[in-house]
Amino acid sequence: SVLPTIEEEFVSTGQVKVQARTFAFMGEESVLAAQAAECASDQGWLWDFHDTLFANQRGRDQGAFSSENLKRFAEALELDTAAFDSCLDSGKYASKVEDDTEGAQQLGVNSVPTTFVNGQPVSWHLEDLQTAIREALGSGQ
């Protein structure tokens, strides 16, 4: 997988920082799913929750990311469900998801995952990403 390799090769060595942002572009359910991912991130489970979302997507507003299903995903991952449910129900991350989505749209993002290295879009293919990172590190950026 791309991210674990990048983390092992560049992040764990302190050369690169990975910053994840949500992008809710597939209807209202994707907005709720993005908020749920932020709630999972509070407990250190962002990437596992992310993988669960991708594994369970069914298309725009098809019921896969209802509040009930998102809570079931959290339970299956053994998150602190009381904290997760409270976070999701409160809308704690509604503004952040909206801001992240608007920012992504301003950058021309129209799909996920989308990656950038020093503000430049890069393919999610491992070799392309490694090359872009090495070039950025080599140029001192």
C-alpha atoms as a PDB file:
ATOM      1  CA  SER A   1       0.000   0.000   0.000  1.00  0.00           C
ATOM      2  CA  VAL A   2       1.155   3.526  -0.722  1.00  0.00           C
ATOM      3  CA  LEU A   3       0.805   5.249   2.632  1.00  0.00           C
ATOM      4  CA  PRO A   4       2.567   2.665   4.828  1.00  0.00           C
ATOM      5  CA  THR A   5       5.521   2.660   2.429  1.00  0.00           C
ATOM      6  CA  ILE A   6       5.722   6.466   2.394  1.00  0.00           C
ATOM      7  CA  GLU A   7       5.454   6.543   6.180  1.00  0.00           C
ATOM      8  CA  GLU A   8       8.210   3.966   6.591  1.00  0.00           C
ATOM      9  CA  GLU A   9      10.547   5.499   4.025  1.00  0.00           C
ATOM     10  CA  PHE A  10      10.074   9.212   4.643  1.00  0.00           C
ATOM     11  CA  VAL A  11       7.829  10.050   7.603  1.00  0.00           C
ATOM     12  CA  SER A  12       9.426   7.817  10.244  1.00  0.00           C
ATOM     13  CA  THR A  13      12.823   9.282   9.327  1.00  0.00           C
ATOM     14  CA  GLY A  14      11.567  12.822   9.874  1.00  0.00           C
ATOM     15  CA  GLN A  15      12.030  13.865   6.254  1.00  0.00           C
ATOM     16  CA  VAL A  16       8.358  14.281   5.368  1.00  0.00           C
ATOM     17  CA  LYS A  17       5.147  15.235   7.111  1.00  0.00           C
ATOM     18  CA  VAL A  18       1.862  13.739   5.909  1.00  0.00           C
ATOM     19  CA  GLN A  19      -1.181  15.931   6.274  1.00  0.00           C
ATOM     20  CA  ALA A  20      -4.597  14.412   5.651  1.00  0.00           C
ATOM     21  CA  ARG A  21      -7.643  16.496   4.846  1.00  0.00           C
ATOM     22  CA  THR A  22     -11.173  15.406   4.250  1.00  0.00           C
ATOM     23  CA  PHE A  23     -12.923  16.039   0.944  1.00  0.00           C
ATOM     24  CA  ALA A  24     -16.665  15.523   0.995  1.00  0.00           C
ATOM     25  CA  PHE A  25     -17.766  15.596  -2.619  1.00  0.00           C
ATOM     26  CA  MET A  26     -20.237  12.732  -2.973  1.00  0.00           C
ATOM     27  CA  GLY A  27     -23.368  14.157  -1.389  1.00  0.00           C
ATOM     28  CA  GLU A  28     -24.568  14.540   2.169  1.00  0.00           C
ATOM     29  CA  GLU A  29     -23.442  11.090   3.238  1.00  0.00           C
ATOM     30  CA  SER A  30     -19.868  11.905   2.307  1.00  0.00           C
ATOM     31  CA  VAL A  31     -20.064  14.993   4.533  1.00  0.00           C
ATOM     32  CA  LEU A  32     -21.140  12.812   7.450  1.00  0.00           C
ATOM     33  CA  ALA A  33     -18.489  10.201   6.593  1.00  0.00           C
ATOM     34  CA  ALA A  34     -15.803  12.899   6.561  1.00  0.00           C
ATOM     35  CA  GLN A  35     -16.943  14.119   9.968  1.00  0.00           C
ATOM     36  CA  ALA A  36     -16.864  10.535  11.235  1.00  0.00           C
ATOM     37  CA  ALA A  37     -13.307  10.127   9.936  1.00  0.00           C
ATOM     38  CA  GLU A  38     -12.292  13.203  11.918  1.00  0.00           C
ATOM     39  CA  CYS A  39     -13.945  11.720  15.016  1.00  0.00           C
ATOM     40  CA  ALA A  40     -12.032   8.473  14.462  1.00  0.00           C
ATOM     41  CA  SER A  41      -8.848  10.508  14.079  1.00  0.00           C
ATOM     42  CA  ASP A  42      -9.392  11.874  17.593  1.00  0.00           C
ATOM     43  CA  GLN A  43      -8.746   8.323  18.786  1.00  0.00           C
ATOM     44  CA  GLY A  44      -5.835   7.640  16.429  1.00  0.00           C
ATOM     45  CA  TRP A  45      -7.908   5.560  14.017  1.00  0.00           C
ATOM     46  CA  LEU A  46      -8.083   7.822  10.956  1.00  0.00           C
ATOM     47  CA  TRP A  47      -6.485   5.459   8.447  1.00  0.00           C
ATOM     48  CA  ASP A  48      -8.303   2.353   9.638  1.00  0.00           C
ATOM     49  CA  PHE A  49     -11.584   4.240   9.482  1.00  0.00           C
ATOM     50  CA  HIS A  50     -10.625   5.614   6.065  1.00  0.00           C
ATOM     51  CA  ASP A  51      -9.992   2.081   4.804  1.00  0.00           C
ATOM     52  CA  THR A  52     -13.354   0.968   6.205  1.00  0.00           C
ATOM     53  CA  LEU A  53     -15.112   3.832   4.410  1.00  0.00           C
ATOM     54  CA  PHE A  54     -13.497   2.931   1.092  1.00  0.00           C
ATOM     55  CA  ALA A  55     -14.340  -0.743   1.548  1.00  0.00           C
ATOM     56  CA  ASN A  56     -18.005   0.078   2.202  1.00  0.00           C
ATOM     57  CA  GLN A  57     -18.748   2.832  -0.295  1.00  0.00           C
ATOM     58  CA  ARG A  58     -21.675   2.228  -2.633  1.00  0.00           C
ATOM     59  CA  GLY A  59     -22.006   5.505  -4.497  1.00  0.00           C
ATOM     60  CA  ARG A  60     -23.590   8.853  -3.897  1.00  0.00           C
ATOM     61  CA  ASP A  61     -26.050   8.860  -0.981  1.00  0.00           C
ATOM     62  CA  GLN A  62     -26.906   5.148  -1.173  1.00  0.00           C
ATOM     63  CA  GLY A  63     -27.185   4.633   2.583  1.00  0.00           C
ATOM     64  CA  ALA A  64     -23.714   3.202   3.177  1.00  0.00           C
ATOM     65  CA  PHE A  65     -22.648   6.164   5.278  1.00  0.00           C
ATOM     66  CA  SER A  66     -25.717   6.729   7.399  1.00  0.00           C
ATOM     67  CA  SER A  67     -25.033   7.780  10.962  1.00  0.00           C
ATOM     68  CA  GLU A  68     -25.988   4.302  12.149  1.00  0.00           C
ATOM     69  CA  ASN A  69     -23.579   2.587   9.763  1.00  0.00           C
ATOM     70  CA  LEU A  70     -20.745   4.956  10.626  1.00  0.00           C
ATOM     71  CA  LYS A  71     -21.272   4.146  14.294  1.00  0.00           C
ATOM     72  CA  ARG A  72     -21.223   0.434  13.455  1.00  0.00           C
ATOM     73  CA  PHE A  73     -17.915   0.896  11.641  1.00  0.00           C
ATOM     74  CA  ALA A  74     -16.476   2.583  14.742  1.00  0.00           C
ATOM     75  CA  GLU A  75     -17.723  -0.250  16.920  1.00  0.00           C
ATOM     76  CA  ALA A  76     -16.226  -2.868  14.589  1.00  0.00           C
ATOM     77  CA  LEU A  77     -12.865  -1.089  14.825  1.00  0.00           C
ATOM     78  CA  GLU A  78     -13.212  -1.117  18.618  1.00  0.00           C
ATOM     79  CA  LEU A  79     -13.113   2.646  19.024  1.00  0.00           C
ATOM     80  CA  ASP A  80     -14.437   4.232  22.199  1.00  0.00           C
ATOM     81  CA  THR A  81     -17.979   4.278  20.842  1.00  0.00           C
ATOM     82  CA  ALA A  82     -19.358   6.674  23.459  1.00  0.00           C
ATOM     83  CA  ALA A  83     -16.752   9.278  22.516  1.00  0.00           C
ATOM     84  CA  PHE A  84     -17.144   8.584  18.798  1.00  0.00           C
ATOM     85  CA  ASP A  85     -20.945   8.773  18.895  1.00  0.00           C
ATOM     86  CA  SER A  86     -20.853  11.992  20.914  1.00  0.00           C
ATOM     87  CA  CYS A  87     -18.365  13.537  18.491  1.00  0.00           C
ATOM     88  CA  LEU A  88     -20.399  12.552  15.436  1.00  0.00           C
ATOM     89  CA  ASP A  89     -23.768  13.540  16.902  1.00  0.00           C
ATOM     90  CA  SER A  90     -22.457  16.941  18.018  1.00  0.00           C
ATOM     91  CA  GLY A  91     -21.231  17.961  14.562  1.00  0.00           C
ATOM     92  CA  LYS A  92     -17.878  18.792  16.151  1.00  0.00           C
ATOM     93  CA  TYR A  93     -16.079  18.675  12.799  1.00  0.00           C
ATOM     94  CA  ALA A  94     -18.773  20.095  10.507  1.00  0.00           C
ATOM     95  CA  SER A  95     -16.924  23.395   9.998  1.00  0.00           C
ATOM     96  CA  LYS A  96     -13.563  21.698   9.487  1.00  0.00           C
ATOM     97  CA  VAL A  97     -14.978  19.339   6.862  1.00  0.00           C
ATOM     98  CA  GLU A  98     -16.621  22.265   5.080  1.00  0.00           C
ATOM     99  CA  ASP A  99     -13.378  24.278   5.165  1.00  0.00           C
ATOM    100  CA  ASP A 100     -11.280  21.307   3.982  1.00  0.00           C
ATOM    101  CA  THR A 101     -13.709  20.617   1.139  1.00  0.00           C
ATOM    102  CA  GLU A 102     -13.733  24.253   0.016  1.00  0.00           C
ATOM    103  CA  GLY A 103      -9.932  24.351   0.162  1.00  0.00           C
ATOM    104  CA  ALA A 104      -9.672  21.185  -1.914  1.00  0.00           C
ATOM    105  CA  GLN A 105     -12.058  22.576  -4.513  1.00  0.00           C
ATOM    106  CA  GLN A 106      -9.946  25.731  -4.749  1.00  0.00           C
ATOM    107  CA  LEU A 107      -6.935  23.521  -5.493  1.00  0.00           C
ATOM    108  CA  GLY A 108      -8.862  21.744  -8.255  1.00  0.00           C
ATOM    109  CA  VAL A 109      -9.305  18.465  -6.381  1.00  0.00           C
ATOM    110  CA  ASN A 110     -12.137  16.401  -7.844  1.00  0.00           C
ATOM    111  CA  SER A 111     -11.417  12.878  -6.596  1.00  0.00           C
ATOM    112  CA  VAL A 112      -9.833  10.992  -3.741  1.00  0.00           C
ATOM    113  CA  PRO A 113      -7.187  10.202  -2.945  1.00  0.00           C
ATOM    114  CA  THR A 114      -5.391  13.271  -4.266  1.00  0.00           C
ATOM    115  CA  THR A 115      -1.843  13.933  -3.178  1.00  0.00           C
ATOM    116  CA  PHE A 116       0.349  16.996  -3.261  1.00  0.00           C
ATOM    117  CA  VAL A 117       4.067  17.393  -2.694  1.00  0.00           C
ATOM    118  CA  ASN A 118       4.998  20.991  -1.911  1.00  0.00           C
ATOM    119  CA  GLY A 119       1.718  22.197  -3.361  1.00  0.00           C
ATOM    120  CA  GLN A 120       2.031  20.285  -6.626  1.00  0.00           C
ATOM    121  CA  PRO A 121      -0.399  17.464  -7.467  1.00  0.00           C
ATOM    122  CA  VAL A 122       1.227  14.047  -7.728  1.00  0.00           C
ATOM    123  CA  SER A 123      -0.201  10.705  -8.805  1.00  0.00           C
ATOM    124  CA  TRP A 124      -1.144   8.322  -5.973  1.00  0.00           C
ATOM    125  CA  HIS A 125       1.031   5.629  -7.562  1.00  0.00           C
ATOM    126  CA  LEU A 126       3.841   4.711  -5.195  1.00  0.00           C
ATOM    127  CA  GLU A 127       6.692   5.202  -7.644  1.00  0.00           C
ATOM    128  CA  ASP A 128       5.439   8.635  -8.751  1.00  0.00           C
ATOM    129  CA  LEU A 129       5.016   9.773  -5.174  1.00  0.00           C
ATOM    130  CA  GLN A 130       8.452   8.492  -4.128  1.00  0.00           C
ATOM    131  CA  THR A 131      10.055  10.270  -7.086  1.00  0.00           C
ATOM    132  CA  ALA A 132       8.299  13.560  -6.320  1.00  0.00           C
ATOM    133  CA  ILE A 133       9.301  13.378  -2.654  1.00  0.00           C
ATOM    134  CA  ARG A 134      12.921  12.539  -3.473  1.00  0.00           C
ATOM    135  CA  GLU A 135      13.063  15.413  -5.962  1.00  0.00           C
ATOM    136  CA  ALA A 136      11.618  17.822  -3.380  1.00  0.00           C
ATOM    137  CA  LEU A 137      14.064  16.611  -0.734  1.00  0.00           C
ATOM    138  CA  GLY A 138      16.954  16.875  -3.187  1.00  0.00           C
ATOM    139  CA  SER A 139      16.079  20.455  -4.039  1.00  0.00           C
ATOM    140  CA  GLY A 140      15.922  21.397  -0.362  1.00  0.00           C
ATOM    141  CA  GLN A 141      12.232  22.301  -0.446  1.00  0.00           C
END
